[in-house]
Amino acid sequence: MTDTEHPSRVGKAVVPAAGLGTRFLPATKATPKEMLPIVDKPAIQYVVEEAVDAGLDDVLMVTGRSKRSIEDHFDRAYELEEALRAKSDTQRLYSVRESSELAQVHYVRQGEPRGLGHAVLCASAHVGDEPFAVLLGDDLIGRNEALLRRMIQVRETYGGSVVALMEVEPDHVSLYGCAAIEPTDEDDVVTVTDLVEKPAVDQAPSRWAVIGRYICDPAVFDVLRETPPGRGGEIQLTDALLQLAQRKPADGGPVHGVLFRGQRYDTGNKIDYLRTVVEFACERQDLAAEFLPWLRDFVDRHPAAGDDA
């Protein structure tokens, strides 16, 4: 389809960040889970950087109570900057100013945690009648993957909404929303015909799971306003997308999926968070030379659980 048929380009990103982070208590009692560091940078900064790399420099954070440190992180820290400047510590000065210069970052409060669909609905006044991206902070995508940029291209070609899909093991399907799909003429693009939120293994329509990247048509807002609470008493974004998947382009449909086979880091639970920190450290040129030999020695001295000592 042409740009005339889909004249509105994706220009804004929405980052839901109102969750309580209960899996990481007590660390998240006073610190938002989005601010937990991946080496020396909070996870949420990687998400904003991904949006900016895809050409989206207008970012709306949907926050909640006790999330003020997120706002502080993306604001200027004049006293700290002056102290670093006085020490001629230009490297650290750049690092603390970088987050405040990434994008135009805006904020809206989600009064109560009523699900991802409700968090997205909180963005309606800021987004308006434009397609927009949604990036979940639990999922970090490898810097060289360009997944979000590809999803924007698919939206420009087909219209409607776009979800990122990744194939998961059968025993993991109940952790995600899973999609029933039909092929298109493009190898990495499918049409989504059904979405089931966290299905039982024997009820999953496929092993293609929705991960935390979406391009949403603005029609999703009207659907979300009429979407009743679903699983867990929450308003599910997947329920709204399912309705859009059954619509024609003139009414906000359809929904396509981009099949992602690249590098994804899940920071939503402790084990995967630790794996992410280790992988990021091993990829850092300033750390790997010292960290990797120590890590190999540490593993050699600590056999896996169940192994003989």
C-alpha atoms as a PDB file:
ATOM      1  CA  MET A   1       0.000   0.000   0.000  1.00  0.00           C
ATOM      2  CA  THR A   2       1.125   3.574  -0.495  1.00  0.00           C
ATOM      3  CA  ASP A   3       1.825   6.385   1.926  1.00  0.00           C
ATOM      4  CA  THR A   4      -1.346   8.062   0.618  1.00  0.00           C
ATOM      5  CA  GLU A   5      -3.391   5.200   2.015  1.00  0.00           C
ATOM      6  CA  HIS A   6      -1.458   5.306   5.299  1.00  0.00           C
ATOM      7  CA  PRO A   7      -0.311   8.939   5.558  1.00  0.00           C
ATOM      8  CA  SER A   8       0.321   8.981   9.301  1.00  0.00           C
ATOM      9  CA  ARG A   9       3.818   7.810  10.212  1.00  0.00           C
ATOM     10  CA  VAL A  10       4.920   6.420  13.550  1.00  0.00           C
ATOM     11  CA  GLY A  11       6.558   9.232  15.508  1.00  0.00           C
ATOM     12  CA  LYS A  12       5.947   8.525  19.186  1.00  0.00           C
ATOM     13  CA  ALA A  13       6.890   5.758  21.583  1.00  0.00           C
ATOM     14  CA  VAL A  14       5.011   4.728  24.726  1.00  0.00           C
ATOM     15  CA  VAL A  15       6.923   2.983  27.514  1.00  0.00           C
ATOM     16  CA  PRO A  16       4.707   1.504  30.270  1.00  0.00           C
ATOM     17  CA  ALA A  17       6.625   1.776  33.546  1.00  0.00           C
ATOM     18  CA  ALA A  18       4.006   1.636  36.295  1.00  0.00           C
ATOM     19  CA  GLY A  19       4.476  -1.962  37.444  1.00  0.00           C
ATOM     20  CA  LEU A  20       5.262  -2.762  41.072  1.00  0.00           C
ATOM     21  CA  GLY A  21       8.252  -4.981  40.326  1.00  0.00           C
ATOM     22  CA  THR A  22       7.310  -7.536  42.979  1.00  0.00           C
ATOM     23  CA  ARG A  23       9.629 -10.206  41.541  1.00  0.00           C
ATOM     24  CA  PHE A  24      12.614  -8.120  42.603  1.00  0.00           C
ATOM     25  CA  LEU A  25      11.590  -7.209  46.137  1.00  0.00           C
ATOM     26  CA  PRO A  26      13.074  -5.928  48.372  1.00  0.00           C
ATOM     27  CA  ALA A  27      15.312  -4.139  45.825  1.00  0.00           C
ATOM     28  CA  THR A  28      12.243  -2.580  44.193  1.00  0.00           C
ATOM     29  CA  LYS A  29      10.630  -1.412  47.426  1.00  0.00           C
ATOM     30  CA  ALA A  30      12.000   2.090  46.806  1.00  0.00           C
ATOM     31  CA  THR A  31      13.687   1.696  43.395  1.00  0.00           C
ATOM     32  CA  PRO A  32      11.613   1.160  40.228  1.00  0.00           C
ATOM     33  CA  LYS A  33      12.421  -2.138  38.541  1.00  0.00           C
ATOM     34  CA  GLU A  34      13.020  -0.177  35.340  1.00  0.00           C
ATOM     35  CA  MET A  35      15.942   1.541  37.085  1.00  0.00           C
ATOM     36  CA  LEU A  36      17.754  -1.683  37.993  1.00  0.00           C
ATOM     37  CA  PRO A  37      21.159  -1.452  36.319  1.00  0.00           C
ATOM     38  CA  ILE A  38      22.405  -3.540  33.432  1.00  0.00           C
ATOM     39  CA  VAL A  39      26.076  -3.115  34.370  1.00  0.00           C
ATOM     40  CA  ASP A  40      26.122   0.692  34.739  1.00  0.00           C
ATOM     41  CA  LYS A  41      23.020   1.852  32.871  1.00  0.00           C
ATOM     42  CA  PRO A  42      19.385   1.392  33.949  1.00  0.00           C
ATOM     43  CA  ALA A  43      17.372  -1.016  31.836  1.00  0.00           C
ATOM     44  CA  ILE A  44      14.879   1.642  30.797  1.00  0.00           C
ATOM     45  CA  GLN A  45      17.612   3.735  29.146  1.00  0.00           C
ATOM     46  CA  TYR A  46      18.350   0.891  26.723  1.00  0.00           C
ATOM     47  CA  VAL A  47      14.647   0.909  25.793  1.00  0.00           C
ATOM     48  CA  VAL A  48      14.628   4.652  25.119  1.00  0.00           C
ATOM     49  CA  GLU A  49      17.828   4.321  23.088  1.00  0.00           C
ATOM     50  CA  GLU A  50      16.140   1.645  20.961  1.00  0.00           C
ATOM     51  CA  ALA A  51      13.206   3.954  20.270  1.00  0.00           C
ATOM     52  CA  VAL A  52      15.547   6.794  19.303  1.00  0.00           C
ATOM     53  CA  ASP A  53      17.586   4.496  17.042  1.00  0.00           C
ATOM     54  CA  ALA A  54      14.337   3.683  15.210  1.00  0.00           C
ATOM     55  CA  GLY A  55      13.649   7.383  14.632  1.00  0.00           C
ATOM     56  CA  LEU A  56      11.254   7.980  17.546  1.00  0.00           C
ATOM     57  CA  ASP A  57      12.432  10.895  19.659  1.00  0.00           C
ATOM     58  CA  ASP A  58       9.099  11.617  21.393  1.00  0.00           C
ATOM     59  CA  VAL A  59       8.798   9.185  24.308  1.00  0.00           C
ATOM     60  CA  LEU A  60       5.932   8.971  26.797  1.00  0.00           C
ATOM     61  CA  MET A  61       6.582   7.147  30.067  1.00  0.00           C
ATOM     62  CA  VAL A  62       3.458   5.757  31.743  1.00  0.00           C
ATOM     63  CA  THR A  63       4.510   5.783  35.379  1.00  0.00           C
ATOM     64  CA  GLY A  64       3.017   5.255  38.813  1.00  0.00           C
ATOM     65  CA  ARG A  65       3.780   6.022  42.411  1.00  0.00           C
ATOM     66  CA  SER A  66       7.414   5.834  43.557  1.00  0.00           C
ATOM     67  CA  LYS A  67       8.702   6.250  40.005  1.00  0.00           C
ATOM     68  CA  ARG A  68      10.185   9.722  40.449  1.00  0.00           C
ATOM     69  CA  SER A  69      13.727   8.420  39.956  1.00  0.00           C
ATOM     70  CA  ILE A  70      12.847   7.615  36.319  1.00  0.00           C
ATOM     71  CA  GLU A  71      12.010  11.274  35.738  1.00  0.00           C
ATOM     72  CA  ASP A  72      15.187  12.337  37.525  1.00  0.00           C
ATOM     73  CA  HIS A  73      17.292  10.021  35.383  1.00  0.00           C
ATOM     74  CA  PHE A  74      16.100  11.587  32.131  1.00  0.00           C
ATOM     75  CA  ASP A  75      16.452  15.112  33.518  1.00  0.00           C
ATOM     76  CA  ARG A  76      19.575  17.237  33.932  1.00  0.00           C
ATOM     77  CA  ALA A  77      21.633  16.801  37.121  1.00  0.00           C
ATOM     78  CA  TYR A  78      23.314  20.204  37.293  1.00  0.00           C
ATOM     79  CA  GLU A  79      25.169  19.772  40.597  1.00  0.00           C
ATOM     80  CA  LEU A  80      26.575  16.406  39.548  1.00  0.00           C
ATOM     81  CA  GLU A  81      27.539  17.748  36.133  1.00  0.00           C
ATOM     82  CA  GLU A  82      29.315  20.716  37.704  1.00  0.00           C
ATOM     83  CA  ALA A  83      31.227  18.439  40.079  1.00  0.00           C
ATOM     84  CA  LEU A  84      32.381  16.248  37.187  1.00  0.00           C
ATOM     85  CA  ARG A  85      33.269  19.286  35.113  1.00  0.00           C
ATOM     86  CA  ALA A  86      35.399  20.642  37.970  1.00  0.00           C
ATOM     87  CA  LYS A  87      37.299  17.340  38.004  1.00  0.00           C
ATOM     88  CA  SER A  88      37.656  17.390  34.199  1.00  0.00           C
ATOM     89  CA  ASP A  89      35.976  13.971  34.205  1.00  0.00           C
ATOM     90  CA  THR A  90      34.599  14.340  30.694  1.00  0.00           C
ATOM     91  CA  GLN A  91      33.767  10.668  30.218  1.00  0.00           C
ATOM     92  CA  ARG A  92      31.431  10.496  33.214  1.00  0.00           C
ATOM     93  CA  LEU A  93      30.089  13.950  32.449  1.00  0.00           C
ATOM     94  CA  TYR A  94      29.036  12.718  29.013  1.00  0.00           C
ATOM     95  CA  SER A  95      27.469   9.584  30.487  1.00  0.00           C
ATOM     96  CA  VAL A  96      25.253  11.501  32.941  1.00  0.00           C
ATOM     97  CA  ARG A  97      24.191  14.056  30.322  1.00  0.00           C
ATOM     98  CA  GLU A  98      23.486  11.428  27.672  1.00  0.00           C
ATOM     99  CA  SER A  99      20.164  10.280  29.132  1.00  0.00           C
ATOM    100  CA  SER A 100      18.773  13.835  29.313  1.00  0.00           C
ATOM    101  CA  GLU A 101      19.643  14.509  25.692  1.00  0.00           C
ATOM    102  CA  LEU A 102      18.302  11.300  24.132  1.00  0.00           C
ATOM    103  CA  ALA A 103      14.726  12.334  23.421  1.00  0.00           C
ATOM    104  CA  GLN A 104      11.795  14.493  24.402  1.00  0.00           C
ATOM    105  CA  VAL A 105      10.563  12.463  27.370  1.00  0.00           C
ATOM    106  CA  HIS A 106       7.058  13.051  28.723  1.00  0.00           C
ATOM    107  CA  TYR A 107       5.212  11.471  31.631  1.00  0.00           C
ATOM    108  CA  VAL A 108       1.681  10.459  32.547  1.00  0.00           C
ATOM    109  CA  ARG A 109       0.518   8.642  35.680  1.00  0.00           C
ATOM    110  CA  GLN A 110      -1.388   5.369  35.635  1.00  0.00           C
ATOM    111  CA  GLY A 111      -3.434   5.752  38.801  1.00  0.00           C
ATOM    112  CA  GLU A 112      -3.739   2.036  39.482  1.00  0.00           C
ATOM    113  CA  PRO A 113      -2.153  -1.048  37.856  1.00  0.00           C
ATOM    114  CA  ARG A 114      -5.012  -2.296  35.680  1.00  0.00           C
ATOM    115  CA  GLY A 115      -2.992  -4.054  33.010  1.00  0.00           C
ATOM    116  CA  LEU A 116      -1.003  -3.242  29.899  1.00  0.00           C
ATOM    117  CA  GLY A 117      -4.098  -2.279  27.936  1.00  0.00           C
ATOM    118  CA  HIS A 118      -5.006   0.324  30.543  1.00  0.00           C
ATOM    119  CA  ALA A 119      -1.429   1.645  30.579  1.00  0.00           C
ATOM    120  CA  VAL A 120      -1.578   2.103  26.803  1.00  0.00           C
ATOM    121  CA  LEU A 121      -4.962   3.817  27.107  1.00  0.00           C
ATOM    122  CA  CYS A 122      -3.370   6.338  29.493  1.00  0.00           C
ATOM    123  CA  ALA A 123      -1.274   7.499  26.516  1.00  0.00           C
ATOM    124  CA  SER A 124      -4.254   8.446  24.326  1.00  0.00           C
ATOM    125  CA  ALA A 125      -4.199  12.200  25.029  1.00  0.00           C
ATOM    126  CA  HIS A 126      -0.499  12.460  24.241  1.00  0.00           C
ATOM    127  CA  VAL A 127      -0.508  10.205  21.177  1.00  0.00           C
ATOM    128  CA  GLY A 128      -3.689  11.497  19.591  1.00  0.00           C
ATOM    129  CA  ASP A 129      -4.763  10.153  16.204  1.00  0.00           C
ATOM    130  CA  GLU A 130      -1.382   8.716  15.189  1.00  0.00           C
ATOM    131  CA  PRO A 131       0.103   5.227  15.047  1.00  0.00           C
ATOM    132  CA  PHE A 132       2.601   4.720  17.839  1.00  0.00           C
ATOM    133  CA  ALA A 133       5.101   2.248  19.237  1.00  0.00           C
ATOM    134  CA  VAL A 134       4.852   0.484  22.587  1.00  0.00           C
ATOM    135  CA  LEU A 135       8.066  -0.797  24.165  1.00  0.00           C
ATOM    136  CA  LEU A 136       8.020  -2.878  27.341  1.00  0.00           C
ATOM    137  CA  GLY A 137      10.963  -2.369  29.650  1.00  0.00           C
ATOM    138  CA  ASP A 138      11.290  -6.074  30.542  1.00  0.00           C
ATOM    139  CA  ASP A 139      12.452  -6.894  27.010  1.00  0.00           C
ATOM    140  CA  LEU A 140      15.768  -5.587  25.733  1.00  0.00           C
ATOM    141  CA  ILE A 141      16.504  -6.136  22.051  1.00  0.00           C
ATOM    142  CA  GLY A 142      20.052  -6.498  20.744  1.00  0.00           C
ATOM    143  CA  ARG A 143      21.438  -3.200  19.475  1.00  0.00           C
ATOM    144  CA  ASN A 144      22.105  -4.529  15.963  1.00  0.00           C
ATOM    145  CA  GLU A 145      18.694  -6.128  15.438  1.00  0.00           C
ATOM    146  CA  ALA A 146      16.656  -3.123  14.164  1.00  0.00           C
ATOM    147  CA  LEU A 147      13.437  -4.922  15.121  1.00  0.00           C
ATOM    148  CA  LEU A 148      11.474  -1.758  15.848  1.00  0.00           C
ATOM    149  CA  ARG A 149      12.556  -0.121  12.611  1.00  0.00           C
ATOM    150  CA  ARG A 150      11.395  -3.220  10.706  1.00  0.00           C
ATOM    151  CA  MET A 151       8.029  -3.121  12.478  1.00  0.00           C
ATOM    152  CA  ILE A 152       7.581   0.506  11.469  1.00  0.00           C
ATOM    153  CA  GLN A 153       8.287  -0.477   7.850  1.00  0.00           C
ATOM    154  CA  VAL A 154       5.627  -3.193   8.052  1.00  0.00           C
ATOM    155  CA  ARG A 155       3.110  -0.694   9.414  1.00  0.00           C
ATOM    156  CA  GLU A 156       3.889   1.675   6.533  1.00  0.00           C
ATOM    157  CA  THR A 157       3.373  -1.163   4.046  1.00  0.00           C
ATOM    158  CA  TYR A 158       0.280  -2.872   5.449  1.00  0.00           C
ATOM    159  CA  GLY A 159      -1.310  -0.352   7.816  1.00  0.00           C
ATOM    160  CA  GLY A 160      -3.042  -1.505  10.983  1.00  0.00           C
ATOM    161  CA  SER A 161      -1.029  -2.742  13.950  1.00  0.00           C
ATOM    162  CA  VAL A 162       2.130  -4.835  14.165  1.00  0.00           C
ATOM    163  CA  VAL A 163       3.387  -7.148  16.900  1.00  0.00           C
ATOM    164  CA  ALA A 164       6.795  -8.724  17.385  1.00  0.00           C
ATOM    165  CA  LEU A 165       6.662 -12.534  17.513  1.00  0.00           C
ATOM    166  CA  MET A 166       9.344 -14.899  18.770  1.00  0.00           C
ATOM    167  CA  GLU A 167       9.198 -18.689  18.785  1.00  0.00           C
ATOM    168  CA  VAL A 168       9.382 -20.124  22.300  1.00  0.00           C
ATOM    169  CA  GLU A 169       9.594 -23.588  23.794  1.00  0.00           C
ATOM    170  CA  PRO A 170       6.220 -25.318  24.322  1.00  0.00           C
ATOM    171  CA  ASP A 171       6.505 -25.160  28.115  1.00  0.00           C
ATOM    172  CA  HIS A 172       6.939 -21.374  27.912  1.00  0.00           C
ATOM    173  CA  VAL A 173       3.828 -20.493  25.888  1.00  0.00           C
ATOM    174  CA  SER A 174       1.764 -19.992  29.044  1.00  0.00           C
ATOM    175  CA  LEU A 175       4.010 -17.031  29.944  1.00  0.00           C
ATOM    176  CA  TYR A 176       3.065 -15.023  26.840  1.00  0.00           C
ATOM    177  CA  GLY A 177       0.302 -14.017  24.517  1.00  0.00           C
ATOM    178  CA  CYS A 178       0.473 -16.440  21.573  1.00  0.00           C
ATOM    179  CA  ALA A 179      -0.624 -15.850  17.988  1.00  0.00           C
ATOM    180  CA  ALA A 180      -2.281 -17.857  15.255  1.00  0.00           C
ATOM    181  CA  ILE A 181      -0.633 -16.762  12.027  1.00  0.00           C
ATOM    182  CA  GLU A 182      -0.871 -16.993   8.256  1.00  0.00           C
ATOM    183  CA  PRO A 183       2.050 -16.357   5.882  1.00  0.00           C
ATOM    184  CA  THR A 184       2.410 -13.341   3.601  1.00  0.00           C
ATOM    185  CA  ASP A 185       4.668 -12.823   0.596  1.00  0.00           C
ATOM    186  CA  GLU A 186       7.448 -11.681   2.964  1.00  0.00           C
ATOM    187  CA  ASP A 187       9.369 -14.344   4.888  1.00  0.00           C
ATOM    188  CA  ASP A 188       9.487 -12.418   8.146  1.00  0.00           C
ATOM    189  CA  VAL A 189       5.927 -11.024   8.035  1.00  0.00           C
ATOM    190  CA  VAL A 190       2.717 -12.888   8.917  1.00  0.00           C
ATOM    191  CA  THR A 191      -0.937 -12.023   9.292  1.00  0.00           C
ATOM    192  CA  VAL A 192      -2.243 -12.510  12.834  1.00  0.00           C
ATOM    193  CA  THR A 193      -5.642 -14.228  12.916  1.00  0.00           C
ATOM    194  CA  ASP A 194      -5.947 -14.970  16.639  1.00  0.00           C
ATOM    195  CA  LEU A 195      -4.290 -14.002  19.932  1.00  0.00           C
ATOM    196  CA  VAL A 196      -4.578 -15.911  23.200  1.00  0.00           C
ATOM    197  CA  GLU A 197      -3.183 -14.422  26.417  1.00  0.00           C
ATOM    198  CA  LYS A 198      -1.077 -16.903  28.421  1.00  0.00           C
ATOM    199  CA  PRO A 199      -2.728 -20.079  27.087  1.00  0.00           C
ATOM    200  CA  ALA A 200      -2.290 -23.579  28.454  1.00  0.00           C
ATOM    201  CA  VAL A 201       0.176 -25.604  26.406  1.00  0.00           C
ATOM    202  CA  ASP A 202      -2.561 -27.667  24.767  1.00  0.00           C
ATOM    203  CA  GLN A 203      -4.608 -24.550  23.919  1.00  0.00           C
ATOM    204  CA  ALA A 204      -1.874 -22.391  22.393  1.00  0.00           C
ATOM    205  CA  PRO A 205      -2.541 -21.544  18.729  1.00  0.00           C
ATOM    206  CA  SER A 206       1.206 -21.710  17.993  1.00  0.00           C
ATOM    207  CA  ARG A 207       4.643 -21.339  19.586  1.00  0.00           C
ATOM    208  CA  TRP A 208       4.938 -17.785  18.262  1.00  0.00           C
ATOM    209  CA  ALA A 209       4.751 -15.556  21.309  1.00  0.00           C
ATOM    210  CA  VAL A 210       4.153 -11.822  21.436  1.00  0.00           C
ATOM    211  CA  ILE A 211       7.187 -10.101  22.944  1.00  0.00           C
ATOM    212  CA  GLY A 212       7.335  -6.570  24.252  1.00  0.00           C
ATOM    213  CA  ARG A 213       7.278  -4.528  21.042  1.00  0.00           C
ATOM    214  CA  TYR A 214       4.123  -3.253  19.334  1.00  0.00           C
ATOM    215  CA  ILE A 215       3.124  -0.751  16.685  1.00  0.00           C
ATOM    216  CA  CYS A 216      -0.482   0.220  17.383  1.00  0.00           C
ATOM    217  CA  ASP A 217      -3.012   1.880  15.137  1.00  0.00           C
ATOM    218  CA  PRO A 218      -4.759   4.726  17.004  1.00  0.00           C
ATOM    219  CA  ALA A 219      -8.032   2.798  16.627  1.00  0.00           C
ATOM    220  CA  VAL A 220      -6.763   0.685  19.535  1.00  0.00           C
ATOM    221  CA  PHE A 221      -7.763   3.438  21.975  1.00  0.00           C
ATOM    222  CA  ASP A 222     -11.482   3.214  21.206  1.00  0.00           C
ATOM    223  CA  VAL A 223     -11.294  -0.571  21.443  1.00  0.00           C
ATOM    224  CA  LEU A 224      -9.486  -0.424  24.797  1.00  0.00           C
ATOM    225  CA  ARG A 225     -12.148   1.909  26.195  1.00  0.00           C
ATOM    226  CA  GLU A 226     -14.714  -0.828  25.524  1.00  0.00           C
ATOM    227  CA  THR A 227     -12.519  -3.804  26.500  1.00  0.00           C
ATOM    228  CA  PRO A 228     -13.612  -5.428  29.767  1.00  0.00           C
ATOM    229  CA  PRO A 229     -11.032  -6.732  32.232  1.00  0.00           C
ATOM    230  CA  GLY A 230      -9.766 -10.166  31.249  1.00  0.00           C
ATOM    231  CA  ARG A 231      -7.272 -12.562  32.802  1.00  0.00           C
ATOM    232  CA  GLY A 232      -6.236 -11.411  36.284  1.00  0.00           C
ATOM    233  CA  GLY A 233      -8.823  -8.623  36.285  1.00  0.00           C
ATOM    234  CA  GLU A 234      -6.628  -6.564  33.952  1.00  0.00           C
ATOM    235  CA  ILE A 235      -7.381  -4.892  30.642  1.00  0.00           C
ATOM    236  CA  GLN A 236      -5.273  -6.823  28.155  1.00  0.00           C
ATOM    237  CA  LEU A 237      -3.736  -5.208  25.093  1.00  0.00           C
ATOM    238  CA  THR A 238      -3.918  -8.565  23.331  1.00  0.00           C
ATOM    239  CA  ASP A 239      -7.736  -8.554  23.674  1.00  0.00           C
ATOM    240  CA  ALA A 240      -7.911  -5.202  21.887  1.00  0.00           C
ATOM    241  CA  LEU A 241      -5.456  -6.294  19.192  1.00  0.00           C
ATOM    242  CA  LEU A 242      -7.532  -9.410  18.582  1.00  0.00           C
ATOM    243  CA  GLN A 243     -10.508  -7.209  17.747  1.00  0.00           C
ATOM    244  CA  LEU A 244      -8.380  -5.112  15.395  1.00  0.00           C
ATOM    245  CA  ALA A 245      -7.071  -8.282  13.720  1.00  0.00           C
ATOM    246  CA  GLN A 246     -10.602  -8.993  12.563  1.00  0.00           C
ATOM    247  CA  ARG A 247     -11.129  -5.531  11.037  1.00  0.00           C
ATOM    248  CA  LYS A 248     -10.478  -4.059   7.614  1.00  0.00           C
ATOM    249  CA  PRO A 249      -7.841  -1.323   7.120  1.00  0.00           C
ATOM    250  CA  ALA A 250     -10.467   1.433   7.050  1.00  0.00           C
ATOM    251  CA  ASP A 251     -11.523   0.421  10.576  1.00  0.00           C
ATOM    252  CA  GLY A 252      -8.047   0.137  12.128  1.00  0.00           C
ATOM    253  CA  GLY A 253      -7.137  -3.393  11.082  1.00  0.00           C
ATOM    254  CA  PRO A 254      -5.528  -5.725  10.392  1.00  0.00           C
ATOM    255  CA  VAL A 255      -2.709  -6.970  12.666  1.00  0.00           C
ATOM    256  CA  HIS A 256       0.558  -8.302  11.271  1.00  0.00           C
ATOM    257  CA  GLY A 257       3.476  -9.914  13.019  1.00  0.00           C
ATOM    258  CA  VAL A 258       7.202  -9.632  12.448  1.00  0.00           C
ATOM    259  CA  LEU A 259       8.932 -12.960  13.084  1.00  0.00           C
ATOM    260  CA  PHE A 260      11.949 -12.096  15.213  1.00  0.00           C
ATOM    261  CA  ARG A 261      14.832 -14.541  15.409  1.00  0.00           C
ATOM    262  CA  GLY A 262      17.462 -12.192  16.816  1.00  0.00           C
ATOM    263  CA  GLN A 263      18.847 -11.439  20.258  1.00  0.00           C
ATOM    264  CA  ARG A 264      16.374 -10.664  23.030  1.00  0.00           C
ATOM    265  CA  TYR A 265      17.164 -10.206  26.701  1.00  0.00           C
ATOM    266  CA  ASP A 266      14.405 -10.867  29.236  1.00  0.00           C
ATOM    267  CA  THR A 267      14.963  -8.882  32.446  1.00  0.00           C
ATOM    268  CA  GLY A 268      11.588  -9.689  33.964  1.00  0.00           C
ATOM    269  CA  ASN A 269      12.814 -12.366  36.369  1.00  0.00           C
ATOM    270  CA  LYS A 270      15.913 -12.814  38.503  1.00  0.00           C
ATOM    271  CA  ILE A 271      17.663 -15.561  36.548  1.00  0.00           C
ATOM    272  CA  ASP A 272      17.228 -13.908  33.147  1.00  0.00           C
ATOM    273  CA  TYR A 273      18.166 -10.542  34.626  1.00  0.00           C
ATOM    274  CA  LEU A 274      21.449 -12.004  35.909  1.00  0.00           C
ATOM    275  CA  ARG A 275      22.116 -13.612  32.521  1.00  0.00           C
ATOM    276  CA  THR A 276      21.542 -10.254  30.857  1.00  0.00           C
ATOM    277  CA  VAL A 277      23.966  -8.450  33.154  1.00  0.00           C
ATOM    278  CA  VAL A 278      26.664 -11.090  32.528  1.00  0.00           C
ATOM    279  CA  GLU A 279      26.153 -11.036  28.742  1.00  0.00           C
ATOM    280  CA  PHE A 280      26.276  -7.246  28.588  1.00  0.00           C
ATOM    281  CA  ALA A 281      29.430  -7.203  30.717  1.00  0.00           C
ATOM    282  CA  CYS A 282      31.099  -9.762  28.452  1.00  0.00           C
ATOM    283  CA  GLU A 283      30.341  -7.613  25.397  1.00  0.00           C
ATOM    284  CA  ARG A 284      31.832  -4.463  26.889  1.00  0.00           C
ATOM    285  CA  GLN A 285      35.315  -3.732  25.551  1.00  0.00           C
ATOM    286  CA  ASP A 286      36.245  -1.887  28.728  1.00  0.00           C
ATOM    287  CA  LEU A 287      35.246  -4.840  30.947  1.00  0.00           C
ATOM    288  CA  ALA A 288      35.575  -8.079  28.985  1.00  0.00           C
ATOM    289  CA  ALA A 289      39.367  -8.404  29.113  1.00  0.00           C
ATOM    290  CA  GLU A 290      39.311  -8.544  32.899  1.00  0.00           C
ATOM    291  CA  PHE A 291      35.840  -9.935  33.528  1.00  0.00           C
ATOM    292  CA  LEU A 292      35.865 -12.951  31.174  1.00  0.00           C
ATOM    293  CA  PRO A 293      39.004 -14.631  32.629  1.00  0.00           C
ATOM    294  CA  TRP A 294      37.582 -14.169  36.127  1.00  0.00           C
ATOM    295  CA  LEU A 295      34.228 -15.604  35.015  1.00  0.00           C
ATOM    296  CA  ARG A 296      35.848 -18.678  33.454  1.00  0.00           C
ATOM    297  CA  ASP A 297      37.858 -19.296  36.607  1.00  0.00           C
ATOM    298  CA  PHE A 298      34.780 -18.785  38.771  1.00  0.00           C
ATOM    299  CA  VAL A 299      32.782 -21.333  36.749  1.00  0.00           C
ATOM    300  CA  ASP A 300      35.636 -23.837  36.864  1.00  0.00           C
ATOM    301  CA  ARG A 301      35.748 -23.533  40.657  1.00  0.00           C
ATOM    302  CA  HIS A 302      31.975 -23.788  41.094  1.00  0.00           C
ATOM    303  CA  PRO A 303      30.452 -26.890  39.472  1.00  0.00           C
ATOM    304  CA  ALA A 304      26.816 -26.739  38.538  1.00  0.00           C
ATOM    305  CA  ALA A 305      24.206 -27.749  41.086  1.00  0.00           C
ATOM    306  CA  GLY A 306      23.919 -31.521  41.163  1.00  0.00           C
ATOM    307  CA  ASP A 307      27.419 -32.073  39.811  1.00  0.00           C
ATOM    308  CA  ASP A 308      30.052 -33.754  41.937  1.00  0.00           C
ATOM    309  CA  ALA A 309      32.371 -31.284  43.629  1.00  0.00           C
END
